[in-house]
């Protein structure tokens, strides 16, 4: 049996009794980083063989692990924090288990995604999880533009050293929306910062730690956006487009009039010459 186990996001007390029992019973534990997992096991005085399986090694190790499972071994799978398989190693192994008719089960527990959504107080009934966006700016903007008018909250993961660039891309593609920055979940300095994209840009240097960002759904934006908001949105979409193409996309995204959209598109194109 493969046991997929959720582990604490930060506070080591956030673990189920069932998961602790499974840790004691399995033949070994697959973990993202043995140094992180050993701290958890030491806290509960559990001694168990640990084998590293991260995003770089999962593809090469999964077949060997499936062979162990077929041979009758019981294996626990954990990530550094939260639920494996969601923006963490594990998905390929689970898919391989399904393909080979190997038994597996999920042990519920901590999830940064769900914790942040509940704590934000923003999500109503639907959300879109985008995880970590690509490192390349053009690819990030492409994804954000794709979801700009979706009538659901957007949820992102981000590391502190890329946070400033993300905020710039959010302003350029989505405008100055309300956001909730969820930092250091379950840890000593846990915080839910209710702010806007523009305000966050001004104080981003003071925001540290691992982050989950909840972004206001498109339908709740003010219909009367400022000229500066519209210009920022249009700039984020302008690369490689003619004025006509840009104005058309601006109308689709913001609902402004055809004449106003074309004026903004012309202004941006003239500035870029």
C-alpha atoms as a PDB file:
ATOM      1  CA  UNK A   1       0.000   0.000   0.000  1.00  0.00           C
ATOM      2  CA  UNK A   2       1.140   3.525  -0.829  1.00  0.00           C
ATOM      3  CA  UNK A   3       0.101   5.986   1.872  1.00  0.00           C
ATOM      4  CA  UNK A   4       0.011   9.613   0.689  1.00  0.00           C
ATOM      5  CA  UNK A   5       0.349  11.626   3.904  1.00  0.00           C
ATOM      6  CA  UNK A   6      -0.264  15.311   4.552  1.00  0.00           C
ATOM      7  CA  UNK A   7       2.247  16.857   6.961  1.00  0.00           C
ATOM      8  CA  UNK A   8       2.276  20.138   8.932  1.00  0.00           C
ATOM      9  CA  UNK A   9       2.684  23.442   7.122  1.00  0.00           C
ATOM     10  CA  UNK A  10       4.714  24.784  10.048  1.00  0.00           C
ATOM     11  CA  UNK A  11       3.288  23.886  13.440  1.00  0.00           C
ATOM     12  CA  UNK A  12       4.355  20.302  14.136  1.00  0.00           C
ATOM     13  CA  UNK A  13       1.190  19.648  16.151  1.00  0.00           C
ATOM     14  CA  UNK A  14      -0.881  19.816  12.950  1.00  0.00           C
ATOM     15  CA  UNK A  15      -0.656  16.123  12.134  1.00  0.00           C
ATOM     16  CA  UNK A  16      -3.208  13.350  12.496  1.00  0.00           C
ATOM     17  CA  UNK A  17      -2.916  10.366  14.817  1.00  0.00           C
ATOM     18  CA  UNK A  18      -3.450   8.113  11.821  1.00  0.00           C
ATOM     19  CA  UNK A  19      -0.468   9.596   9.977  1.00  0.00           C
ATOM     20  CA  UNK A  20       1.778   9.101  13.003  1.00  0.00           C
ATOM     21  CA  UNK A  21       0.668   5.460  13.232  1.00  0.00           C
ATOM     22  CA  UNK A  22       1.343   4.889   9.520  1.00  0.00           C
ATOM     23  CA  UNK A  23       4.831   6.382   9.874  1.00  0.00           C
ATOM     24  CA  UNK A  24       5.598   3.738  12.493  1.00  0.00           C
ATOM     25  CA  UNK A  25       4.165   0.855  10.449  1.00  0.00           C
ATOM     26  CA  UNK A  26       5.507   1.418   6.912  1.00  0.00           C
ATOM     27  CA  UNK A  27       8.751  -0.022   5.556  1.00  0.00           C
ATOM     28  CA  UNK A  28      10.094   3.383   4.625  1.00  0.00           C
ATOM     29  CA  UNK A  29       9.067   6.989   4.007  1.00  0.00           C
ATOM     30  CA  UNK A  30       9.541   8.822   0.709  1.00  0.00           C
ATOM     31  CA  UNK A  31      10.202  12.500   1.370  1.00  0.00           C
ATOM     32  CA  UNK A  32      11.016  15.641  -0.556  1.00  0.00           C
ATOM     33  CA  UNK A  33      13.888  16.593   1.769  1.00  0.00           C
ATOM     34  CA  UNK A  34      15.128  14.144   4.395  1.00  0.00           C
ATOM     35  CA  UNK A  35      16.380  17.029   6.553  1.00  0.00           C
ATOM     36  CA  UNK A  36      12.858  18.456   6.838  1.00  0.00           C
ATOM     37  CA  UNK A  37      11.143  15.124   7.467  1.00  0.00           C
ATOM     38  CA  UNK A  38      13.639  13.956  10.097  1.00  0.00           C
ATOM     39  CA  UNK A  39      12.726  16.981  12.248  1.00  0.00           C
ATOM     40  CA  UNK A  40       9.086  15.888  12.218  1.00  0.00           C
ATOM     41  CA  UNK A  41       9.941  12.278  13.031  1.00  0.00           C
ATOM     42  CA  UNK A  42      12.337  13.282  15.811  1.00  0.00           C
ATOM     43  CA  UNK A  43       9.652  15.476  17.364  1.00  0.00           C
ATOM     44  CA  UNK A  44       7.431  12.399  17.725  1.00  0.00           C
ATOM     45  CA  UNK A  45      10.335  10.045  18.516  1.00  0.00           C
ATOM     46  CA  UNK A  46       9.753   7.929  15.404  1.00  0.00           C
ATOM     47  CA  UNK A  47      12.686   6.153  13.781  1.00  0.00           C
ATOM     48  CA  UNK A  48      12.157   5.121  10.181  1.00  0.00           C
ATOM     49  CA  UNK A  49      14.186   4.751   6.984  1.00  0.00           C
ATOM     50  CA  UNK A  50      13.891   7.849   4.795  1.00  0.00           C
ATOM     51  CA  UNK A  51      14.389   7.947   1.026  1.00  0.00           C
ATOM     52  CA  UNK A  52      14.578  11.235  -0.849  1.00  0.00           C
ATOM     53  CA  UNK A  53      12.257  11.751  -3.825  1.00  0.00           C
ATOM     54  CA  UNK A  54      12.028  15.303  -5.098  1.00  0.00           C
ATOM     55  CA  UNK A  55      10.863  16.960  -8.323  1.00  0.00           C
ATOM     56  CA  UNK A  56      14.175  16.129 -10.014  1.00  0.00           C
ATOM     57  CA  UNK A  57      14.329  12.451  -9.042  1.00  0.00           C
ATOM     58  CA  UNK A  58      10.675  11.355  -9.059  1.00  0.00           C
ATOM     59  CA  UNK A  59      10.679  10.341 -12.732  1.00  0.00           C
ATOM     60  CA  UNK A  60      13.727   8.098 -12.274  1.00  0.00           C
ATOM     61  CA  UNK A  61      12.702   6.556  -8.927  1.00  0.00           C
ATOM     62  CA  UNK A  62       9.000   5.871  -9.486  1.00  0.00           C
ATOM     63  CA  UNK A  63       9.451   2.494 -11.225  1.00  0.00           C
ATOM     64  CA  UNK A  64      11.689   1.160  -8.453  1.00  0.00           C
ATOM     65  CA  UNK A  65       9.138   2.287  -5.855  1.00  0.00           C
ATOM     66  CA  UNK A  66       6.304   0.597  -7.772  1.00  0.00           C
ATOM     67  CA  UNK A  67       8.364  -2.615  -7.773  1.00  0.00           C
ATOM     68  CA  UNK A  68       8.683  -2.362  -3.983  1.00  0.00           C
ATOM     69  CA  UNK A  69       4.944  -1.863  -3.631  1.00  0.00           C
ATOM     70  CA  UNK A  70       4.219  -4.850  -5.872  1.00  0.00           C
ATOM     71  CA  UNK A  71       6.585  -6.908  -3.722  1.00  0.00           C
ATOM     72  CA  UNK A  72       4.391  -6.207  -0.702  1.00  0.00           C
ATOM     73  CA  UNK A  73       6.100  -3.253   0.918  1.00  0.00           C
ATOM     74  CA  UNK A  74       4.146  -0.460   2.596  1.00  0.00           C
ATOM     75  CA  UNK A  75       5.432   3.032   1.795  1.00  0.00           C
ATOM     76  CA  UNK A  76       4.496   6.493   3.057  1.00  0.00           C
ATOM     77  CA  UNK A  77       4.857   9.509   0.785  1.00  0.00           C
ATOM     78  CA  UNK A  78       5.257  13.015   2.219  1.00  0.00           C
ATOM     79  CA  UNK A  79       6.316  16.438   0.968  1.00  0.00           C
ATOM     80  CA  UNK A  80       8.124  19.122   2.950  1.00  0.00           C
ATOM     81  CA  UNK A  81       4.774  20.564   4.043  1.00  0.00           C
ATOM     82  CA  UNK A  82       1.104  20.026   3.260  1.00  0.00           C
ATOM     83  CA  UNK A  83      -0.335  17.513   0.816  1.00  0.00           C
ATOM     84  CA  UNK A  84       1.973  15.758  -1.698  1.00  0.00           C
ATOM     85  CA  UNK A  85       1.050  15.849  -5.374  1.00  0.00           C
ATOM     86  CA  UNK A  86      -0.188  19.466  -5.435  1.00  0.00           C
ATOM     87  CA  UNK A  87       2.725  21.695  -6.494  1.00  0.00           C
ATOM     88  CA  UNK A  88       4.920  19.113  -4.763  1.00  0.00           C
ATOM     89  CA  UNK A  89       6.409  15.750  -5.801  1.00  0.00           C
ATOM     90  CA  UNK A  90       4.096  12.747  -5.784  1.00  0.00           C
ATOM     91  CA  UNK A  91       1.737  13.129  -8.726  1.00  0.00           C
ATOM     92  CA  UNK A  92       3.836  10.987 -11.086  1.00  0.00           C
ATOM     93  CA  UNK A  93       4.111   8.229  -8.487  1.00  0.00           C
ATOM     94  CA  UNK A  94       0.355   8.235  -7.843  1.00  0.00           C
ATOM     95  CA  UNK A  95      -0.313   8.060 -11.588  1.00  0.00           C
ATOM     96  CA  UNK A  96       2.095   5.135 -11.866  1.00  0.00           C
ATOM     97  CA  UNK A  97       0.354   3.364  -8.970  1.00  0.00           C
ATOM     98  CA  UNK A  98      -2.996   3.760 -10.731  1.00  0.00           C
ATOM     99  CA  UNK A  99      -1.521   2.466 -13.985  1.00  0.00           C
ATOM    100  CA  UNK A 100      -0.096  -0.624 -12.233  1.00  0.00           C
ATOM    101  CA  UNK A 101      -3.186  -1.337 -10.093  1.00  0.00           C
ATOM    102  CA  UNK A 102      -1.186  -0.747  -6.934  1.00  0.00           C
ATOM    103  CA  UNK A 103      -3.242   0.041  -3.852  1.00  0.00           C
ATOM    104  CA  UNK A 104      -2.947   3.558  -2.486  1.00  0.00           C
ATOM    105  CA  UNK A 105      -4.806   5.773  -0.039  1.00  0.00           C
ATOM    106  CA  UNK A 106      -4.759   9.449   0.912  1.00  0.00           C
ATOM    107  CA  UNK A 107      -4.415  10.496   4.546  1.00  0.00           C
ATOM    108  CA  UNK A 108      -6.128  13.922   4.781  1.00  0.00           C
ATOM    109  CA  UNK A 109      -4.486  16.785   6.599  1.00  0.00           C
ATOM    110  CA  UNK A 110      -2.926  20.248   6.197  1.00  0.00           C
ATOM    111  CA  UNK A 111      -3.133  22.072   2.860  1.00  0.00           C
ATOM    112  CA  UNK A 112      -1.790  25.583   2.269  1.00  0.00           C
ATOM    113  CA  UNK A 113      -4.347  26.111  -0.493  1.00  0.00           C
ATOM    114  CA  UNK A 114      -7.440  25.381   1.623  1.00  0.00           C
ATOM    115  CA  UNK A 115      -6.047  27.033   4.766  1.00  0.00           C
ATOM    116  CA  UNK A 116      -5.363  30.271   2.884  1.00  0.00           C
ATOM    117  CA  UNK A 117      -8.752  30.289   1.151  1.00  0.00           C
ATOM    118  CA  UNK A 118     -10.640  29.907   4.420  1.00  0.00           C
ATOM    119  CA  UNK A 119      -8.441  32.421   6.224  1.00  0.00           C
ATOM    120  CA  UNK A 120      -8.768  35.042   3.472  1.00  0.00           C
ATOM    121  CA  UNK A 121     -12.524  35.375   3.946  1.00  0.00           C
ATOM    122  CA  UNK A 122     -12.690  36.192   0.243  1.00  0.00           C
ATOM    123  CA  UNK A 123     -13.626  32.984  -1.551  1.00  0.00           C
ATOM    124  CA  UNK A 124     -17.369  32.473  -2.028  1.00  0.00           C
ATOM    125  CA  UNK A 125     -17.968  29.293  -3.981  1.00  0.00           C
ATOM    126  CA  UNK A 126     -15.478  29.002  -6.841  1.00  0.00           C
ATOM    127  CA  UNK A 127     -11.748  29.501  -7.196  1.00  0.00           C
ATOM    128  CA  UNK A 128      -9.000  28.808  -9.728  1.00  0.00           C
ATOM    129  CA  UNK A 129      -5.723  27.423  -8.382  1.00  0.00           C
ATOM    130  CA  UNK A 130      -2.727  28.484 -10.485  1.00  0.00           C
ATOM    131  CA  UNK A 131       0.011  27.326  -8.102  1.00  0.00           C
ATOM    132  CA  UNK A 132       3.477  28.720  -8.837  1.00  0.00           C
ATOM    133  CA  UNK A 133       3.474  30.731 -12.068  1.00  0.00           C
ATOM    134  CA  UNK A 134       6.337  30.271 -14.576  1.00  0.00           C
ATOM    135  CA  UNK A 135       9.627  32.081 -14.000  1.00  0.00           C
ATOM    136  CA  UNK A 136       9.537  33.753 -17.413  1.00  0.00           C
ATOM    137  CA  UNK A 137       7.598  37.029 -17.289  1.00  0.00           C
ATOM    138  CA  UNK A 138       5.950  36.670 -20.700  1.00  0.00           C
ATOM    139  CA  UNK A 139       4.603  33.243 -19.700  1.00  0.00           C
ATOM    140  CA  UNK A 140       3.325  34.572 -16.362  1.00  0.00           C
ATOM    141  CA  UNK A 141       1.491  37.416 -18.074  1.00  0.00           C
ATOM    142  CA  UNK A 142      -0.006  35.059 -20.646  1.00  0.00           C
ATOM    143  CA  UNK A 143      -1.534  32.924 -17.885  1.00  0.00           C
ATOM    144  CA  UNK A 144      -2.802  35.924 -15.904  1.00  0.00           C
ATOM    145  CA  UNK A 145      -4.372  37.455 -19.023  1.00  0.00           C
ATOM    146  CA  UNK A 146      -6.099  34.140 -19.701  1.00  0.00           C
ATOM    147  CA  UNK A 147      -7.806  34.200 -16.303  1.00  0.00           C
ATOM    148  CA  UNK A 148      -8.364  37.954 -16.002  1.00  0.00           C
ATOM    149  CA  UNK A 149     -12.120  37.842 -16.583  1.00  0.00           C
ATOM    150  CA  UNK A 150     -12.842  34.538 -14.812  1.00  0.00           C
ATOM    151  CA  UNK A 151     -15.631  34.943 -12.257  1.00  0.00           C
ATOM    152  CA  UNK A 152     -13.760  33.171  -9.474  1.00  0.00           C
ATOM    153  CA  UNK A 153     -10.971  33.985  -7.053  1.00  0.00           C
ATOM    154  CA  UNK A 154      -7.454  33.240  -8.302  1.00  0.00           C
ATOM    155  CA  UNK A 155      -5.034  31.506  -5.931  1.00  0.00           C
ATOM    156  CA  UNK A 156      -1.257  31.651  -6.381  1.00  0.00           C
ATOM    157  CA  UNK A 157       1.761  30.338  -4.520  1.00  0.00           C
ATOM    158  CA  UNK A 158       4.866  32.516  -4.508  1.00  0.00           C
ATOM    159  CA  UNK A 159       8.281  32.681  -2.887  1.00  0.00           C
ATOM    160  CA  UNK A 160       9.360  35.968  -1.259  1.00  0.00           C
ATOM    161  CA  UNK A 161      12.213  36.719  -3.675  1.00  0.00           C
ATOM    162  CA  UNK A 162       9.832  36.667  -6.692  1.00  0.00           C
ATOM    163  CA  UNK A 163       6.971  38.495  -4.993  1.00  0.00           C
ATOM    164  CA  UNK A 164       7.812  42.002  -6.271  1.00  0.00           C
ATOM    165  CA  UNK A 165       7.856  40.849  -9.913  1.00  0.00           C
ATOM    166  CA  UNK A 166       4.565  39.010  -9.442  1.00  0.00           C
ATOM    167  CA  UNK A 167       2.882  42.167  -8.114  1.00  0.00           C
ATOM    168  CA  UNK A 168       4.060  44.146 -11.151  1.00  0.00           C
ATOM    169  CA  UNK A 169       2.607  41.487 -13.456  1.00  0.00           C
ATOM    170  CA  UNK A 170      -0.691  41.440 -11.531  1.00  0.00           C
ATOM    171  CA  UNK A 171      -1.029  45.216 -11.909  1.00  0.00           C
ATOM    172  CA  UNK A 172      -0.217  45.046 -15.609  1.00  0.00           C
ATOM    173  CA  UNK A 173      -2.663  42.243 -16.386  1.00  0.00           C
ATOM    174  CA  UNK A 174      -5.450  42.372 -13.793  1.00  0.00           C
ATOM    175  CA  UNK A 175      -5.325  45.956 -12.547  1.00  0.00           C
ATOM    176  CA  UNK A 176      -5.519  47.136  -8.946  1.00  0.00           C
ATOM    177  CA  UNK A 177      -7.673  44.366  -7.462  1.00  0.00           C
ATOM    178  CA  UNK A 178      -8.226  43.511  -3.826  1.00  0.00           C
ATOM    179  CA  UNK A 179      -5.916  40.704  -2.688  1.00  0.00           C
ATOM    180  CA  UNK A 180      -5.182  38.780   0.496  1.00  0.00           C
ATOM    181  CA  UNK A 181      -1.560  37.850   1.148  1.00  0.00           C
ATOM    182  CA  UNK A 182      -1.394  34.803   3.396  1.00  0.00           C
ATOM    183  CA  UNK A 183       2.063  34.352   4.894  1.00  0.00           C
ATOM    184  CA  UNK A 184       3.757  31.881   7.233  1.00  0.00           C
ATOM    185  CA  UNK A 185       0.620  29.744   7.603  1.00  0.00           C
ATOM    186  CA  UNK A 186       0.325  28.022  11.011  1.00  0.00           C
ATOM    187  CA  UNK A 187       3.711  29.448  12.062  1.00  0.00           C
ATOM    188  CA  UNK A 188       4.595  32.006  14.721  1.00  0.00           C
ATOM    189  CA  UNK A 189       4.323  35.008  12.383  1.00  0.00           C
ATOM    190  CA  UNK A 190       1.212  33.866  10.505  1.00  0.00           C
ATOM    191  CA  UNK A 191      -0.569  36.807   8.904  1.00  0.00           C
ATOM    192  CA  UNK A 192      -3.466  37.544   6.537  1.00  0.00           C
ATOM    193  CA  UNK A 193      -2.805  40.881   4.855  1.00  0.00           C
ATOM    194  CA  UNK A 194      -5.938  42.389   3.263  1.00  0.00           C
ATOM    195  CA  UNK A 195      -4.745  44.942   0.742  1.00  0.00           C
ATOM    196  CA  UNK A 196      -4.712  45.848  -2.960  1.00  0.00           C
ATOM    197  CA  UNK A 197      -2.123  45.107  -5.631  1.00  0.00           C
ATOM    198  CA  UNK A 198      -0.972  48.740  -5.701  1.00  0.00           C
ATOM    199  CA  UNK A 199      -0.664  49.006  -1.918  1.00  0.00           C
ATOM    200  CA  UNK A 200       1.268  45.724  -1.823  1.00  0.00           C
ATOM    201  CA  UNK A 201       3.730  47.061  -4.405  1.00  0.00           C
ATOM    202  CA  UNK A 202       4.485  49.975  -2.081  1.00  0.00           C
ATOM    203  CA  UNK A 203       5.137  47.788   0.980  1.00  0.00           C
ATOM    204  CA  UNK A 204       6.321  44.520  -0.597  1.00  0.00           C
ATOM    205  CA  UNK A 205       9.768  44.783   0.990  1.00  0.00           C
ATOM    206  CA  UNK A 206       8.143  44.285   4.402  1.00  0.00           C
ATOM    207  CA  UNK A 207       6.398  41.045   3.353  1.00  0.00           C
ATOM    208  CA  UNK A 208       8.519  37.966   4.005  1.00  0.00           C
ATOM    209  CA  UNK A 209       8.024  34.201   4.191  1.00  0.00           C
ATOM    210  CA  UNK A 210       6.258  31.643   2.015  1.00  0.00           C
ATOM    211  CA  UNK A 211       3.159  33.190   0.473  1.00  0.00           C
ATOM    212  CA  UNK A 212      -0.282  32.258  -0.795  1.00  0.00           C
ATOM    213  CA  UNK A 213      -2.039  35.083  -2.656  1.00  0.00           C
ATOM    214  CA  UNK A 214      -5.820  35.211  -3.106  1.00  0.00           C
ATOM    215  CA  UNK A 215      -6.934  37.598  -5.873  1.00  0.00           C
ATOM    216  CA  UNK A 216     -10.397  39.122  -6.180  1.00  0.00           C
ATOM    217  CA  UNK A 217     -12.609  37.679  -8.893  1.00  0.00           C
ATOM    218  CA  UNK A 218     -13.055  39.671 -12.088  1.00  0.00           C
ATOM    219  CA  UNK A 219     -16.797  40.237 -11.777  1.00  0.00           C
ATOM    220  CA  UNK A 220     -16.377  42.219  -8.566  1.00  0.00           C
ATOM    221  CA  UNK A 221     -14.105  44.855 -10.066  1.00  0.00           C
ATOM    222  CA  UNK A 222     -15.403  48.414 -10.128  1.00  0.00           C
ATOM    223  CA  UNK A 223     -16.914  49.064 -13.529  1.00  0.00           C
ATOM    224  CA  UNK A 224     -15.553  52.617 -13.450  1.00  0.00           C
ATOM    225  CA  UNK A 225     -11.841  51.844 -13.533  1.00  0.00           C
ATOM    226  CA  UNK A 226      -9.461  54.780 -13.579  1.00  0.00           C
ATOM    227  CA  UNK A 227      -7.576  55.748 -16.706  1.00  0.00           C
ATOM    228  CA  UNK A 228      -4.343  54.612 -15.055  1.00  0.00           C
ATOM    229  CA  UNK A 229      -5.849  51.170 -14.316  1.00  0.00           C
ATOM    230  CA  UNK A 230      -6.850  50.764 -17.941  1.00  0.00           C
ATOM    231  CA  UNK A 231      -3.447  51.882 -19.209  1.00  0.00           C
ATOM    232  CA  UNK A 232      -1.654  49.423 -16.917  1.00  0.00           C
ATOM    233  CA  UNK A 233      -3.897  46.580 -18.071  1.00  0.00           C
ATOM    234  CA  UNK A 234      -3.413  47.508 -21.723  1.00  0.00           C
ATOM    235  CA  UNK A 235       0.373  47.719 -21.341  1.00  0.00           C
ATOM    236  CA  UNK A 236       0.434  44.196 -19.969  1.00  0.00           C
ATOM    237  CA  UNK A 237      -1.353  42.951 -23.085  1.00  0.00           C
ATOM    238  CA  UNK A 238       0.315  45.091 -25.723  1.00  0.00           C
ATOM    239  CA  UNK A 239       3.380  43.069 -26.701  1.00  0.00           C
ATOM    240  CA  UNK A 240       3.261  41.909 -30.336  1.00  0.00           C
ATOM    241  CA  UNK A 241      -0.224  43.335 -30.996  1.00  0.00           C
ATOM    242  CA  UNK A 242      -1.501  46.025 -33.321  1.00  0.00           C
ATOM    243  CA  UNK A 243      -3.602  48.878 -31.937  1.00  0.00           C
ATOM    244  CA  UNK A 244      -6.719  47.214 -33.319  1.00  0.00           C
ATOM    245  CA  UNK A 245      -5.916  43.855 -31.703  1.00  0.00           C
ATOM    246  CA  UNK A 246      -5.047  45.506 -28.410  1.00  0.00           C
ATOM    247  CA  UNK A 247      -8.236  47.571 -28.294  1.00  0.00           C
ATOM    248  CA  UNK A 248     -10.333  44.484 -29.046  1.00  0.00           C
ATOM    249  CA  UNK A 249      -8.788  42.526 -26.162  1.00  0.00           C
ATOM    250  CA  UNK A 250      -9.122  45.532 -23.862  1.00  0.00           C
ATOM    251  CA  UNK A 251     -12.857  45.678 -24.594  1.00  0.00           C
ATOM    252  CA  UNK A 252     -13.230  41.963 -23.868  1.00  0.00           C
ATOM    253  CA  UNK A 253     -11.354  42.247 -20.573  1.00  0.00           C
ATOM    254  CA  UNK A 254     -12.775  45.509 -19.176  1.00  0.00           C
ATOM    255  CA  UNK A 255     -16.069  46.126 -20.970  1.00  0.00           C
ATOM    256  CA  UNK A 256     -15.174  49.731 -21.874  1.00  0.00           C
ATOM    257  CA  UNK A 257     -16.402  51.362 -25.060  1.00  0.00           C
ATOM    258  CA  UNK A 258     -14.807  50.728 -28.439  1.00  0.00           C
ATOM    259  CA  UNK A 259     -13.693  54.359 -28.843  1.00  0.00           C
ATOM    260  CA  UNK A 260     -12.136  54.544 -25.385  1.00  0.00           C
ATOM    261  CA  UNK A 261     -10.294  51.245 -25.867  1.00  0.00           C
ATOM    262  CA  UNK A 262      -8.893  52.356 -29.232  1.00  0.00           C
ATOM    263  CA  UNK A 263      -7.699  55.681 -27.790  1.00  0.00           C
ATOM    264  CA  UNK A 264      -5.802  53.893 -25.023  1.00  0.00           C
ATOM    265  CA  UNK A 265      -4.341  51.381 -27.482  1.00  0.00           C
ATOM    266  CA  UNK A 266      -3.115  54.186 -29.753  1.00  0.00           C
ATOM    267  CA  UNK A 267      -1.605  56.039 -26.815  1.00  0.00           C
ATOM    268  CA  UNK A 268       0.368  53.003 -25.700  1.00  0.00           C
ATOM    269  CA  UNK A 269       1.575  52.207 -29.210  1.00  0.00           C
ATOM    270  CA  UNK A 270       2.699  55.807 -29.744  1.00  0.00           C
ATOM    271  CA  UNK A 271       4.582  55.805 -26.421  1.00  0.00           C
ATOM    272  CA  UNK A 272       6.423  52.626 -27.386  1.00  0.00           C
ATOM    273  CA  UNK A 273       7.734  54.055 -30.677  1.00  0.00           C
END
